[in-house]
Amino acid sequence: MRENVKWHDAEIVGLFHEESEARLSLNIIFPNKQKCVVIFKDTVGWDLSPFQEQNSIFDLHEFNKETIPEWIIKDFNIPQEYIELINLKSKKLFYIDSSVGMGGYIIAKEMIC
């Protein structure tokens, strides 16, 4: 993940799933108008709220076995198969904390921006 990225108020303007590549991509525009394509590699699943006209990020978090909060597991009713992959350290949970619009989690090996 790109170090020191300030996700606050970044806008998600596009979402693309490449099933054959097991990849989920988000098109992001930051408040300073800089653009970025965030790629989640080796994606196995996600639970995202519907894409809206405005999709503003409050923050984007990366969690592993040691750091994943119990409330995320409970609130999102994350399937046990995903928890097992996180526990085996083969996947991570990426949590999009939204201000407005689309938010939720993505289970993937890594995030590239």
C-alpha atoms as a PDB file:
ATOM      1  CA  MET A   1       0.000   0.000   0.000  1.00  0.00           C
ATOM      2  CA  ARG A   2       1.224   3.473  -0.758  1.00  0.00           C
ATOM      3  CA  GLU A   3       2.625   4.955   2.450  1.00  0.00           C
ATOM      4  CA  ASN A   4       1.101   8.089   3.932  1.00  0.00           C
ATOM      5  CA  VAL A   5      -1.928   8.114   1.623  1.00  0.00           C
ATOM      6  CA  LYS A   6      -4.583  10.460   2.957  1.00  0.00           C
ATOM      7  CA  TRP A   7      -7.830   8.740   2.015  1.00  0.00           C
ATOM      8  CA  HIS A   8     -10.103  11.261   3.733  1.00  0.00           C
ATOM      9  CA  ASP A   9     -12.496  12.839   1.216  1.00  0.00           C
ATOM     10  CA  ALA A  10     -11.128  10.813  -1.706  1.00  0.00           C
ATOM     11  CA  GLU A  11     -13.926   9.983  -4.126  1.00  0.00           C
ATOM     12  CA  ILE A  12     -14.558   6.513  -5.576  1.00  0.00           C
ATOM     13  CA  VAL A  13     -15.659   7.210  -9.146  1.00  0.00           C
ATOM     14  CA  GLY A  14     -15.477   3.714 -10.594  1.00  0.00           C
ATOM     15  CA  LEU A  15     -15.426   0.045  -9.687  1.00  0.00           C
ATOM     16  CA  PHE A  16     -14.265  -2.787 -11.952  1.00  0.00           C
ATOM     17  CA  HIS A  17     -14.132  -6.526 -11.260  1.00  0.00           C
ATOM     18  CA  GLU A  18     -11.904  -8.703 -13.438  1.00  0.00           C
ATOM     19  CA  GLU A  19     -13.069 -12.173 -12.473  1.00  0.00           C
ATOM     20  CA  SER A  20     -10.513 -13.968 -14.662  1.00  0.00           C
ATOM     21  CA  GLU A  21      -7.705 -12.088 -12.879  1.00  0.00           C
ATOM     22  CA  ALA A  22      -9.299 -12.273  -9.387  1.00  0.00           C
ATOM     23  CA  ARG A  23      -8.857  -8.529  -9.230  1.00  0.00           C
ATOM     24  CA  LEU A  24     -11.058  -5.676  -8.046  1.00  0.00           C
ATOM     25  CA  SER A  25     -10.133  -2.108  -8.998  1.00  0.00           C
ATOM     26  CA  LEU A  26     -11.373   1.214  -7.658  1.00  0.00           C
ATOM     27  CA  ASN A  27     -10.888   4.468  -9.544  1.00  0.00           C
ATOM     28  CA  ILE A  28     -10.138   7.183  -6.988  1.00  0.00           C
ATOM     29  CA  ILE A  29      -9.894  10.966  -7.249  1.00  0.00           C
ATOM     30  CA  PHE A  30      -8.283  12.718  -4.287  1.00  0.00           C
ATOM     31  CA  PRO A  31      -9.334  16.205  -3.125  1.00  0.00           C
ATOM     32  CA  ASN A  32      -6.234  17.666  -4.849  1.00  0.00           C
ATOM     33  CA  LYS A  33      -7.559  16.130  -8.156  1.00  0.00           C
ATOM     34  CA  GLN A  34      -4.794  13.466  -8.240  1.00  0.00           C
ATOM     35  CA  LYS A  35      -6.104  10.197  -9.680  1.00  0.00           C
ATOM     36  CA  CYS A  36      -5.256   6.658  -8.629  1.00  0.00           C
ATOM     37  CA  VAL A  37      -6.410   3.175  -9.541  1.00  0.00           C
ATOM     38  CA  VAL A  38      -6.433   1.034  -6.400  1.00  0.00           C
ATOM     39  CA  ILE A  39      -6.030  -2.626  -7.310  1.00  0.00           C
ATOM     40  CA  PHE A  40      -6.940  -5.438  -4.925  1.00  0.00           C
ATOM     41  CA  LYS A  41      -5.002  -8.489  -6.135  1.00  0.00           C
ATOM     42  CA  ASP A  42      -6.088 -12.088  -5.612  1.00  0.00           C
ATOM     43  CA  THR A  43      -9.515 -11.004  -4.407  1.00  0.00           C
ATOM     44  CA  VAL A  44     -11.713 -13.767  -3.011  1.00  0.00           C
ATOM     45  CA  GLY A  45     -14.726 -11.745  -1.888  1.00  0.00           C
ATOM     46  CA  TRP A  46     -16.203  -8.499  -0.695  1.00  0.00           C
ATOM     47  CA  ASP A  47     -19.259  -6.930   0.839  1.00  0.00           C
ATOM     48  CA  LEU A  48     -19.748  -3.391  -0.417  1.00  0.00           C
ATOM     49  CA  SER A  49     -22.798  -1.215  -0.072  1.00  0.00           C
ATOM     50  CA  PRO A  50     -24.309  -0.006  -3.365  1.00  0.00           C
ATOM     51  CA  PHE A  51     -22.362   2.408  -5.545  1.00  0.00           C
ATOM     52  CA  GLN A  52     -23.980   5.837  -5.265  1.00  0.00           C
ATOM     53  CA  GLU A  53     -23.772   9.102  -7.171  1.00  0.00           C
ATOM     54  CA  GLN A  54     -21.295  10.282  -4.513  1.00  0.00           C
ATOM     55  CA  ASN A  55     -18.891   7.811  -2.841  1.00  0.00           C
ATOM     56  CA  SER A  56     -16.624   9.653  -0.450  1.00  0.00           C
ATOM     57  CA  ILE A  57     -14.053   7.789   1.655  1.00  0.00           C
ATOM     58  CA  PHE A  58     -13.552   8.694   5.300  1.00  0.00           C
ATOM     59  CA  ASP A  59     -10.641   6.242   5.593  1.00  0.00           C
ATOM     60  CA  LEU A  60      -9.333   2.992   4.134  1.00  0.00           C
ATOM     61  CA  HIS A  61      -7.859   0.422   6.541  1.00  0.00           C
ATOM     62  CA  GLU A  62      -5.785  -2.712   5.992  1.00  0.00           C
ATOM     63  CA  PHE A  63      -6.158  -5.498   8.572  1.00  0.00           C
ATOM     64  CA  ASN A  64      -4.418  -8.816   9.071  1.00  0.00           C
ATOM     65  CA  LYS A  65      -4.898 -11.625  11.596  1.00  0.00           C
ATOM     66  CA  GLU A  66      -3.357  -9.606  14.422  1.00  0.00           C
ATOM     67  CA  THR A  67      -5.117  -6.299  13.762  1.00  0.00           C
ATOM     68  CA  ILE A  68      -8.653  -7.075  12.540  1.00  0.00           C
ATOM     69  CA  PRO A  69     -11.217  -5.659  14.975  1.00  0.00           C
ATOM     70  CA  GLU A  70     -13.807  -8.092  16.304  1.00  0.00           C
ATOM     71  CA  TRP A  71     -16.591  -5.590  15.566  1.00  0.00           C
ATOM     72  CA  ILE A  72     -15.886  -5.768  11.813  1.00  0.00           C
ATOM     73  CA  ILE A  73     -16.171  -9.563  11.875  1.00  0.00           C
ATOM     74  CA  LYS A  74     -19.477  -9.355  13.752  1.00  0.00           C
ATOM     75  CA  ASP A  75     -21.044  -6.304  12.088  1.00  0.00           C
ATOM     76  CA  PHE A  76     -20.363  -7.564   8.569  1.00  0.00           C
ATOM     77  CA  ASN A  77     -21.019 -11.220   9.397  1.00  0.00           C
ATOM     78  CA  ILE A  78     -17.815 -12.132   7.573  1.00  0.00           C
ATOM     79  CA  PRO A  79     -17.920 -15.743   6.322  1.00  0.00           C
ATOM     80  CA  GLN A  80     -15.739 -18.198   8.211  1.00  0.00           C
ATOM     81  CA  GLU A  81     -13.875 -19.151   5.021  1.00  0.00           C
ATOM     82  CA  TYR A  82     -12.596 -15.558   4.749  1.00  0.00           C
ATOM     83  CA  ILE A  83     -11.594 -15.504   8.425  1.00  0.00           C
ATOM     84  CA  GLU A  84      -9.629 -18.724   7.903  1.00  0.00           C
ATOM     85  CA  LEU A  85      -7.764 -17.216   4.936  1.00  0.00           C
ATOM     86  CA  ILE A  86      -6.910 -14.150   7.031  1.00  0.00           C
ATOM     87  CA  ASN A  87      -5.792 -16.393   9.911  1.00  0.00           C
ATOM     88  CA  LEU A  88      -3.540 -18.347   7.521  1.00  0.00           C
ATOM     89  CA  LYS A  89      -2.044 -14.968   6.513  1.00  0.00           C
ATOM     90  CA  SER A  90      -2.769 -15.628   2.844  1.00  0.00           C
ATOM     91  CA  LYS A  91      -5.326 -12.783   2.673  1.00  0.00           C
ATOM     92  CA  LYS A  92      -6.021  -9.440   4.345  1.00  0.00           C
ATOM     93  CA  LEU A  93      -9.191  -7.500   4.997  1.00  0.00           C
ATOM     94  CA  PHE A  94      -9.403  -4.016   3.504  1.00  0.00           C
ATOM     95  CA  TYR A  95     -12.123  -1.860   5.057  1.00  0.00           C
ATOM     96  CA  ILE A  96     -13.547   1.176   3.258  1.00  0.00           C
ATOM     97  CA  ASP A  97     -14.976   3.462   5.919  1.00  0.00           C
ATOM     98  CA  SER A  98     -17.209   5.757   3.890  1.00  0.00           C
ATOM     99  CA  SER A  99     -18.417   9.255   4.616  1.00  0.00           C
ATOM    100  CA  VAL A 100     -21.056   8.990   1.889  1.00  0.00           C
ATOM    101  CA  GLY A 101     -22.006   6.182  -0.470  1.00  0.00           C
ATOM    102  CA  MET A 102     -20.177   2.925  -1.047  1.00  0.00           C
ATOM    103  CA  GLY A 103     -18.281   1.339   1.836  1.00  0.00           C
ATOM    104  CA  GLY A 104     -17.560  -2.128   3.185  1.00  0.00           C
ATOM    105  CA  TYR A 105     -14.803  -4.707   3.040  1.00  0.00           C
ATOM    106  CA  ILE A 106     -12.679  -6.535   0.479  1.00  0.00           C
ATOM    107  CA  ILE A 107     -10.759  -9.769   1.108  1.00  0.00           C
ATOM    108  CA  ALA A 108      -7.594  -9.883  -1.005  1.00  0.00           C
ATOM    109  CA  LYS A 109      -3.911 -10.708  -0.896  1.00  0.00           C
ATOM    110  CA  GLU A 110      -2.713  -7.142  -1.379  1.00  0.00           C
ATOM    111  CA  MET A 111      -3.687  -3.620  -2.336  1.00  0.00           C
ATOM    112  CA  ILE A 112      -1.696  -1.601  -4.840  1.00  0.00           C
ATOM    113  CA  CYS A 113      -2.159   2.116  -5.451  1.00  0.00           C
END
